[in-house]
Amino acid sequence: MTTWQVKTTENQLRKIDKAAQTQGPQFLVEQAKMTAVLLSNDCDESLTKKSKILYDFLIYSPLAEAEDVSFERDKSLTREVSI
């Protein structure tokens, strides 16, 4: 994990940006407290893309239109489960 003092980042943004692209997330620290994380665009897309894939799977699943599948939740406090 690479950490950078906020004061340093003001003068070395290009270097930190390059480090984020080649080494991974860069953590910004001010007064011994982590305040921010700089991610490359590729890293950000890979993190956010996963949720879109799950969303697409649920929306476009063949089961989404199936009439014989029930998606209603059983609201009883306890229920019998077969294992």
PDB file of N, CA and C in Angstrom:
ATOM      1  N   MET A   1       0.855  -1.172   0.000  1.00  0.00           N
ATOM      2  CA  MET A   1       0.000   0.000   0.000  1.00  0.00           C
ATOM      3  C   MET A   1       0.899   1.233   0.000  1.00  0.00           C
ATOM      4  N   THR A   2       0.626   2.132  -0.924  1.00  0.00           N
ATOM      5  CA  THR A   2       1.362   3.386  -0.986  1.00  0.00           C
ATOM      6  C   THR A   2       0.526   4.486  -0.380  1.00  0.00           C
ATOM      7  N   THR A   3       1.124   5.266   0.512  1.00  0.00           N
ATOM      8  CA  THR A   3       0.422   6.409   1.094  1.00  0.00           C
ATOM      9  C   THR A   3       1.176   7.685   0.750  1.00  0.00           C
ATOM     10  N   TRP A   4       0.443   8.762   0.599  1.00  0.00           N
ATOM     11  CA  TRP A   4       1.001  10.064   0.237  1.00  0.00           C
ATOM     12  C   TRP A   4       0.466  11.118   1.190  1.00  0.00           C
ATOM     13  N   GLN A   5       1.318  12.007   1.640  1.00  0.00           N
ATOM     14  CA  GLN A   5       0.874  13.140   2.432  1.00  0.00           C
ATOM     15  C   GLN A   5       0.153  14.111   1.506  1.00  0.00           C
ATOM     16  N   VAL A   6      -0.950  14.688   1.942  1.00  0.00           N
ATOM     17  CA  VAL A   6      -1.735  15.591   1.106  1.00  0.00           C
ATOM     18  C   VAL A   6      -0.870  16.747   0.608  1.00  0.00           C
ATOM     19  N   LYS A   7      -0.008  17.269   1.455  1.00  0.00           N
ATOM     20  CA  LYS A   7       0.874  18.373   1.066  1.00  0.00           C
ATOM     21  C   LYS A   7       1.757  17.959  -0.125  1.00  0.00           C
ATOM     22  N   THR A   8       2.235  16.726  -0.111  1.00  0.00           N
ATOM     23  CA  THR A   8       3.066  16.215  -1.198  1.00  0.00           C
ATOM     24  C   THR A   8       2.272  16.090  -2.486  1.00  0.00           C
ATOM     25  N   THR A   9       1.028  15.664  -2.376  1.00  0.00           N
ATOM     26  CA  THR A   9       0.228  15.417  -3.575  1.00  0.00           C
ATOM     27  C   THR A   9      -0.023  16.682  -4.373  1.00  0.00           C
ATOM     28  N   GLU A  10      -0.049  17.820  -3.711  1.00  0.00           N
ATOM     29  CA  GLU A  10      -0.273  19.075  -4.423  1.00  0.00           C
ATOM     30  C   GLU A  10       0.809  19.327  -5.464  1.00  0.00           C
ATOM     31  N   ASN A  11       2.017  18.870  -5.198  1.00  0.00           N
ATOM     32  CA  ASN A  11       3.136  19.115  -6.107  1.00  0.00           C
ATOM     33  C   ASN A  11       3.455  17.935  -7.016  1.00  0.00           C
ATOM     34  N   GLN A  12       2.946  16.763  -6.716  1.00  0.00           N
ATOM     35  CA  GLN A  12       3.338  15.568  -7.465  1.00  0.00           C
ATOM     36  C   GLN A  12       2.159  14.780  -8.022  1.00  0.00           C
ATOM     37  N   LEU A  13       1.114  15.452  -8.421  1.00  0.00           N
ATOM     38  CA  LEU A  13      -0.090  14.767  -8.886  1.00  0.00           C
ATOM     39  C   LEU A  13       0.176  13.858 -10.082  1.00  0.00           C
ATOM     40  N   ARG A  14       0.989  14.303 -11.027  1.00  0.00           N
ATOM     41  CA  ARG A  14       1.285  13.450 -12.200  1.00  0.00           C
ATOM     42  C   ARG A  14       1.959  12.148 -11.784  1.00  0.00           C
ATOM     43  N   LYS A  15       2.910  12.238 -10.851  1.00  0.00           N
ATOM     44  CA  LYS A  15       3.618  11.050 -10.383  1.00  0.00           C
ATOM     45  C   LYS A  15       2.645  10.100  -9.672  1.00  0.00           C
ATOM     46  N   ILE A  16       1.755  10.628  -8.873  1.00  0.00           N
ATOM     47  CA  ILE A  16       0.799   9.809  -8.135  1.00  0.00           C
ATOM     48  C   ILE A  16      -0.207   9.172  -9.096  1.00  0.00           C
ATOM     49  N   ASP A  17      -0.621   9.933 -10.119  1.00  0.00           N
ATOM     50  CA  ASP A  17      -1.531   9.404 -11.136  1.00  0.00           C
ATOM     51  C   ASP A  17      -0.876   8.232 -11.859  1.00  0.00           C
ATOM     52  N   LYS A  18       0.375   8.375 -12.228  1.00  0.00           N
ATOM     53  CA  LYS A  18       1.112   7.300 -12.909  1.00  0.00           C
ATOM     54  C   LYS A  18       1.221   6.078 -11.990  1.00  0.00           C
ATOM     55  N   ALA A  19       1.479   6.320 -10.703  1.00  0.00           N
ATOM     56  CA  ALA A  19       1.571   5.212  -9.749  1.00  0.00           C
ATOM     57  C   ALA A  19       0.234   4.482  -9.632  1.00  0.00           C
ATOM     58  N   ALA A  20      -0.860   5.215  -9.659  1.00  0.00           N
ATOM     59  CA  ALA A  20      -2.186   4.582  -9.593  1.00  0.00           C
ATOM     60  C   ALA A  20      -2.427   3.702 -10.809  1.00  0.00           C
ATOM     61  N   GLN A  21      -1.924   4.112 -11.957  1.00  0.00           N
ATOM     62  CA  GLN A  21      -2.118   3.332 -13.185  1.00  0.00           C
ATOM     63  C   GLN A  21      -1.228   2.097 -13.225  1.00  0.00           C
ATOM     64  N   THR A  22      -0.042   2.171 -12.632  1.00  0.00           N
ATOM     65  CA  THR A  22       0.905   1.057 -12.734  1.00  0.00           C
ATOM     66  C   THR A  22       0.976   0.189 -11.480  1.00  0.00           C
ATOM     67  N   GLN A  23       0.731   0.778 -10.300  1.00  0.00           N
ATOM     68  CA  GLN A  23       0.924   0.042  -9.051  1.00  0.00           C
ATOM     69  C   GLN A  23      -0.371  -0.251  -8.301  1.00  0.00           C
ATOM     70  N   GLY A  24      -1.459   0.384  -8.715  1.00  0.00           N
ATOM     71  CA  GLY A  24      -2.717   0.171  -8.012  1.00  0.00           C
ATOM     72  C   GLY A  24      -3.126   1.395  -7.213  1.00  0.00           C
ATOM     73  N   PRO A  25      -4.151   1.273  -6.392  1.00  0.00           N
ATOM     74  CA  PRO A  25      -4.688   2.414  -5.643  1.00  0.00           C
ATOM     75  C   PRO A  25      -3.624   3.130  -4.817  1.00  0.00           C
ATOM     76  N   GLN A  26      -3.723   4.461  -4.771  1.00  0.00           N
ATOM     77  CA  GLN A  26      -2.825   5.296  -3.993  1.00  0.00           C
ATOM     78  C   GLN A  26      -3.638   5.967  -2.891  1.00  0.00           C
ATOM     79  N   PHE A  27      -3.169   5.879  -1.666  1.00  0.00           N
ATOM     80  CA  PHE A  27      -3.911   6.379  -0.519  1.00  0.00           C
ATOM     81  C   PHE A  27      -3.347   7.722  -0.075  1.00  0.00           C
ATOM     82  N   LEU A  28      -4.221   8.702   0.096  1.00  0.00           N
ATOM     83  CA  LEU A  28      -3.815  10.031   0.529  1.00  0.00           C
ATOM     84  C   LEU A  28      -4.027  10.158   2.032  1.00  0.00           C
ATOM     85  N   VAL A  29      -3.019  10.672   2.713  1.00  0.00           N
ATOM     86  CA  VAL A  29      -3.028  10.752   4.162  1.00  0.00           C
ATOM     87  C   VAL A  29      -2.802  12.195   4.593  1.00  0.00           C
ATOM     88  N   GLU A  30      -3.602  12.641   5.546  1.00  0.00           N
ATOM     89  CA  GLU A  30      -3.410  13.966   6.125  1.00  0.00           C
ATOM     90  C   GLU A  30      -3.485  13.833   7.637  1.00  0.00           C
ATOM     91  N   GLN A  31      -2.450  14.280   8.306  1.00  0.00           N
ATOM     92  CA  GLN A  31      -2.351  14.198   9.764  1.00  0.00           C
ATOM     93  C   GLN A  31      -2.578  12.772  10.253  1.00  0.00           C
ATOM     94  N   ALA A  32      -1.875  11.836   9.642  1.00  0.00           N
ATOM     95  CA  ALA A  32      -1.908  10.413  10.002  1.00  0.00           C
ATOM     96  C   ALA A  32      -3.288   9.770   9.841  1.00  0.00           C
ATOM     97  N   LYS A  33      -4.147  10.375   9.037  1.00  0.00           N
ATOM     98  CA  LYS A  33      -5.473   9.815   8.792  1.00  0.00           C
ATOM     99  C   LYS A  33      -5.695   9.694   7.279  1.00  0.00           C
ATOM    100  N   MET A  34      -6.118   8.502   6.839  1.00  0.00           N
ATOM    101  CA  MET A  34      -6.405   8.314   5.428  1.00  0.00           C
ATOM    102  C   MET A  34      -7.620   9.140   5.032  1.00  0.00           C
ATOM    103  N   THR A  35      -7.472   9.982   4.010  1.00  0.00           N
ATOM    104  CA  THR A  35      -8.562  10.875   3.632  1.00  0.00           C
ATOM    105  C   THR A  35      -9.145  10.568   2.253  1.00  0.00           C
ATOM    106  N   ALA A  36      -8.368   9.900   1.389  1.00  0.00           N
ATOM    107  CA  ALA A  36      -8.866   9.638   0.035  1.00  0.00           C
ATOM    108  C   ALA A  36      -8.062   8.520  -0.613  1.00  0.00           C
ATOM    109  N   VAL A  37      -8.617   7.990  -1.699  1.00  0.00           N
ATOM    110  CA  VAL A  37      -7.940   6.972  -2.493  1.00  0.00           C
ATOM    111  C   VAL A  37      -7.998   7.399  -3.949  1.00  0.00           C
ATOM    112  N   LEU A  38      -6.863   7.336  -4.633  1.00  0.00           N
ATOM    113  CA  LEU A  38      -6.805   7.655  -6.057  1.00  0.00           C
ATOM    114  C   LEU A  38      -6.721   6.336  -6.818  1.00  0.00           C
ATOM    115  N   LEU A  39      -7.725   6.077  -7.654  1.00  0.00           N
ATOM    116  CA  LEU A  39      -7.776   4.853  -8.460  1.00  0.00           C
ATOM    117  C   LEU A  39      -7.566   5.183  -9.919  1.00  0.00           C
ATOM    118  N   SER A  40      -6.980   4.255 -10.656  1.00  0.00           N
ATOM    119  CA  SER A  40      -6.931   4.415 -12.109  1.00  0.00           C
ATOM    120  C   SER A  40      -8.342   4.208 -12.653  1.00  0.00           C
ATOM    121  N   ASN A  41      -8.589   4.694 -13.843  1.00  0.00           N
ATOM    122  CA  ASN A  41      -9.894   4.528 -14.471  1.00  0.00           C
ATOM    123  C   ASN A  41     -10.209   3.049 -14.685  1.00  0.00           C
ATOM    124  N   ASP A  42      -9.212   2.274 -15.097  1.00  0.00           N
ATOM    125  CA  ASP A  42      -9.417   0.834 -15.306  1.00  0.00           C
ATOM    126  C   ASP A  42      -9.829   0.133 -14.010  1.00  0.00           C
ATOM    127  N   CYS A  43      -9.178   0.506 -12.911  1.00  0.00           N
ATOM    128  CA  CYS A  43      -9.510  -0.088 -11.611  1.00  0.00           C
ATOM    129  C   CYS A  43     -10.935   0.267 -11.207  1.00  0.00           C
ATOM    130  N   ASP A  44     -11.296   1.523 -11.388  1.00  0.00           N
ATOM    131  CA  ASP A  44     -12.655   1.962 -11.051  1.00  0.00           C
ATOM    132  C   ASP A  44     -13.689   1.219 -11.884  1.00  0.00           C
ATOM    133  N   GLU A  45     -13.446   1.090 -13.176  1.00  0.00           N
ATOM    134  CA  GLU A  45     -14.394   0.388 -14.049  1.00  0.00           C
ATOM    135  C   GLU A  45     -14.530  -1.078 -13.658  1.00  0.00           C
ATOM    136  N   SER A  46     -13.412  -1.714 -13.299  1.00  0.00           N
ATOM    137  CA  SER A  46     -13.503  -3.123 -12.920  1.00  0.00           C
ATOM    138  C   SER A  46     -14.280  -3.302 -11.617  1.00  0.00           C
ATOM    139  N   LEU A  47     -14.187  -2.333 -10.706  1.00  0.00           N
ATOM    140  CA  LEU A  47     -14.938  -2.421  -9.451  1.00  0.00           C
ATOM    141  C   LEU A  47     -16.426  -2.171  -9.662  1.00  0.00           C
ATOM    142  N   THR A  48     -16.762  -1.221 -10.507  1.00  0.00           N
ATOM    143  CA  THR A  48     -18.173  -0.885 -10.702  1.00  0.00           C
ATOM    144  C   THR A  48     -18.848  -1.770 -11.733  1.00  0.00           C
ATOM    145  N   LYS A  49     -18.114  -2.373 -12.613  1.00  0.00           N
ATOM    146  CA  LYS A  49     -18.689  -3.207 -13.662  1.00  0.00           C
ATOM    147  C   LYS A  49     -19.343  -4.461 -13.095  1.00  0.00           C
ATOM    148  N   LYS A  50     -18.812  -4.995 -12.009  1.00  0.00           N
ATOM    149  CA  LYS A  50     -19.352  -6.230 -11.446  1.00  0.00           C
ATOM    150  C   LYS A  50     -20.814  -6.078 -11.052  1.00  0.00           C
ATOM    151  N   SER A  51     -21.172  -4.952 -10.471  1.00  0.00           N
ATOM    152  CA  SER A  51     -22.563  -4.769 -10.075  1.00  0.00           C
ATOM    153  C   SER A  51     -23.464  -4.655 -11.292  1.00  0.00           C
ATOM    154  N   LYS A  52     -22.962  -4.074 -12.375  1.00  0.00           N
ATOM    155  CA  LYS A  52     -23.754  -3.985 -13.591  1.00  0.00           C
ATOM    156  C   LYS A  52     -23.988  -5.372 -14.183  1.00  0.00           C
ATOM    157  N   ILE A  53     -23.007  -6.229 -14.089  1.00  0.00           N
ATOM    158  CA  ILE A  53     -23.144  -7.581 -14.620  1.00  0.00           C
ATOM    159  C   ILE A  53     -24.222  -8.335 -13.840  1.00  0.00           C
ATOM    160  N   LEU A  54     -24.216  -8.226 -12.516  1.00  0.00           N
ATOM    161  CA  LEU A  54     -25.232  -8.887 -11.711  1.00  0.00           C
ATOM    162  C   LEU A  54     -26.612  -8.314 -12.027  1.00  0.00           C
ATOM    163  N   TYR A  55     -26.697  -7.003 -12.151  1.00  0.00           N
ATOM    164  CA  TYR A  55     -27.966  -6.346 -12.501  1.00  0.00           C
ATOM    165  C   TYR A  55     -28.480  -6.870 -13.836  1.00  0.00           C
ATOM    166  N   ASP A  56     -27.604  -6.892 -14.855  1.00  0.00           N
ATOM    167  CA  ASP A  56     -28.009  -7.385 -16.173  1.00  0.00           C
ATOM    168  C   ASP A  56     -28.457  -8.842 -16.097  1.00  0.00           C
ATOM    169  N   PHE A  57     -27.744  -9.637 -15.314  1.00  0.00           N
ATOM    170  CA  PHE A  57     -28.113 -11.044 -15.177  1.00  0.00           C
ATOM    171  C   PHE A  57     -29.532 -11.181 -14.624  1.00  0.00           C
ATOM    172  N   LEU A  58     -29.828 -10.408 -13.585  1.00  0.00           N
ATOM    173  CA  LEU A  58     -31.153 -10.515 -12.976  1.00  0.00           C
ATOM    174  C   LEU A  58     -32.255  -9.996 -13.890  1.00  0.00           C
ATOM    175  N   ILE A  59     -32.011  -8.895 -14.576  1.00  0.00           N
ATOM    176  CA  ILE A  59     -33.027  -8.295 -15.440  1.00  0.00           C
ATOM    177  C   ILE A  59     -33.271  -9.127 -16.696  1.00  0.00           C
ATOM    178  N   TYR A  60     -32.194  -9.640 -17.293  1.00  0.00           N
ATOM    179  CA  TYR A  60     -32.324 -10.343 -18.579  1.00  0.00           C
ATOM    180  C   TYR A  60     -32.342 -11.860 -18.437  1.00  0.00           C
ATOM    181  N   SER A  61     -32.442 -12.357 -17.231  1.00  0.00           N
ATOM    182  CA  SER A  61     -32.497 -13.791 -17.005  1.00  0.00           C
ATOM    183  C   SER A  61     -33.769 -14.364 -17.624  1.00  0.00           C
ATOM    184  N   PRO A  62     -33.704 -15.550 -18.202  1.00  0.00           N
ATOM    185  CA  PRO A  62     -34.912 -16.190 -18.731  1.00  0.00           C
ATOM    186  C   PRO A  62     -35.957 -16.407 -17.636  1.00  0.00           C
ATOM    187  N   LEU A  63     -35.530 -16.513 -16.386  1.00  0.00           N
ATOM    188  CA  LEU A  63     -36.465 -16.713 -15.294  1.00  0.00           C
ATOM    189  C   LEU A  63     -37.234 -15.441 -14.931  1.00  0.00           C
ATOM    190  N   ALA A  64     -36.759 -14.293 -15.370  1.00  0.00           N
ATOM    191  CA  ALA A  64     -37.426 -13.035 -15.024  1.00  0.00           C
ATOM    192  C   ALA A  64     -38.851 -12.996 -15.571  1.00  0.00           C
ATOM    193  N   GLU A  65     -39.098 -13.634 -16.693  1.00  0.00           N
ATOM    194  CA  GLU A  65     -40.426 -13.634 -17.316  1.00  0.00           C
ATOM    195  C   GLU A  65     -41.202 -14.930 -17.056  1.00  0.00           C
ATOM    196  N   ALA A  66     -40.573 -15.882 -16.366  1.00  0.00           N
ATOM    197  CA  ALA A  66     -41.225 -17.169 -16.133  1.00  0.00           C
ATOM    198  C   ALA A  66     -42.415 -16.993 -15.200  1.00  0.00           C
ATOM    199  N   GLU A  67     -43.509 -17.626 -15.565  1.00  0.00           N
ATOM    200  CA  GLU A  67     -44.725 -17.508 -14.767  1.00  0.00           C
ATOM    201  C   GLU A  67     -44.775 -18.530 -13.640  1.00  0.00           C
ATOM    202  N   ASP A  68     -44.022 -19.608 -13.761  1.00  0.00           N
ATOM    203  CA  ASP A  68     -44.083 -20.664 -12.750  1.00  0.00           C
ATOM    204  C   ASP A  68     -43.046 -20.492 -11.634  1.00  0.00           C
ATOM    205  N   VAL A  69     -42.352 -19.366 -11.612  1.00  0.00           N
ATOM    206  CA  VAL A  69     -41.360 -19.096 -10.576  1.00  0.00           C
ATOM    207  C   VAL A  69     -41.906 -18.004  -9.668  1.00  0.00           C
ATOM    208  N   SER A  70     -41.895 -18.267  -8.363  1.00  0.00           N
ATOM    209  CA  SER A  70     -42.413 -17.299  -7.399  1.00  0.00           C
ATOM    210  C   SER A  70     -41.257 -16.579  -6.717  1.00  0.00           C
ATOM    211  N   PHE A  71     -41.279 -15.254  -6.748  1.00  0.00           N
ATOM    212  CA  PHE A  71     -40.245 -14.462  -6.106  1.00  0.00           C
ATOM    213  C   PHE A  71     -40.775 -13.757  -4.858  1.00  0.00           C
ATOM    214  N   GLU A  72     -41.894 -14.220  -4.340  1.00  0.00           N
ATOM    215  CA  GLU A  72     -42.467 -13.604  -3.156  1.00  0.00           C
ATOM    216  C   GLU A  72     -41.759 -14.136  -1.918  1.00  0.00           C
ATOM    217  N   ARG A  73     -41.504 -13.256  -0.981  1.00  0.00           N
ATOM    218  CA  ARG A  73     -40.816 -13.626   0.247  1.00  0.00           C
ATOM    219  C   ARG A  73     -41.805 -14.129   1.279  1.00  0.00           C
ATOM    220  N   ASP A  74     -41.423 -15.211   1.942  1.00  0.00           N
ATOM    221  CA  ASP A  74     -42.220 -15.736   3.048  1.00  0.00           C
ATOM    222  C   ASP A  74     -41.944 -14.851   4.260  1.00  0.00           C
ATOM    223  N   LYS A  75     -42.936 -14.141   4.744  1.00  0.00           N
ATOM    224  CA  LYS A  75     -42.753 -13.171   5.817  1.00  0.00           C
ATOM    225  C   LYS A  75     -42.977 -13.751   7.210  1.00  0.00           C
ATOM    226  N   SER A  76     -43.210 -15.058   7.305  1.00  0.00           N
ATOM    227  CA  SER A  76     -43.384 -15.660   8.621  1.00  0.00           C
ATOM    228  C   SER A  76     -42.049 -15.636   9.377  1.00  0.00           C
ATOM    229  N   LEU A  77     -42.123 -15.603  10.706  1.00  0.00           N
ATOM    230  CA  LEU A  77     -40.919 -15.512  11.516  1.00  0.00           C
ATOM    231  C   LEU A  77     -40.084 -16.778  11.432  1.00  0.00           C
ATOM    232  N   THR A  78     -40.709 -17.935  11.389  1.00  0.00           N
ATOM    233  CA  THR A  78     -39.993 -19.203  11.258  1.00  0.00           C
ATOM    234  C   THR A  78     -40.646 -20.021  10.156  1.00  0.00           C
ATOM    235  N   ARG A  79     -39.886 -20.856   9.547  1.00  0.00           N
ATOM    236  CA  ARG A  79     -40.452 -21.731   8.507  1.00  0.00           C
ATOM    237  C   ARG A  79     -39.632 -23.006   8.431  1.00  0.00           C
ATOM    238  N   GLU A  80     -40.268 -24.066   7.976  1.00  0.00           N
ATOM    239  CA  GLU A  80     -39.617 -25.355   7.826  1.00  0.00           C
ATOM    240  C   GLU A  80     -38.747 -25.341   6.557  1.00  0.00           C
ATOM    241  N   VAL A  81     -37.547 -25.871   6.677  1.00  0.00           N
ATOM    242  CA  VAL A  81     -36.638 -25.932   5.532  1.00  0.00           C
ATOM    243  C   VAL A  81     -36.175 -27.364   5.377  1.00  0.00           C
ATOM    244  N   SER A  82     -36.240 -27.885   4.167  1.00  0.00           N
ATOM    245  CA  SER A  82     -35.735 -29.245   3.920  1.00  0.00           C
ATOM    246  C   SER A  82     -34.282 -29.140   3.448  1.00  0.00           C
ATOM    247  N   ILE A  83     -33.456 -29.969   4.080  1.00  0.00           N
ATOM    248  CA  ILE A  83     -32.024 -29.944   3.729  1.00  0.00           C
ATOM    249  C   ILE A  83     -31.631 -31.270   3.138  1.00  0.00           C
TER     250      ILE A  83
END
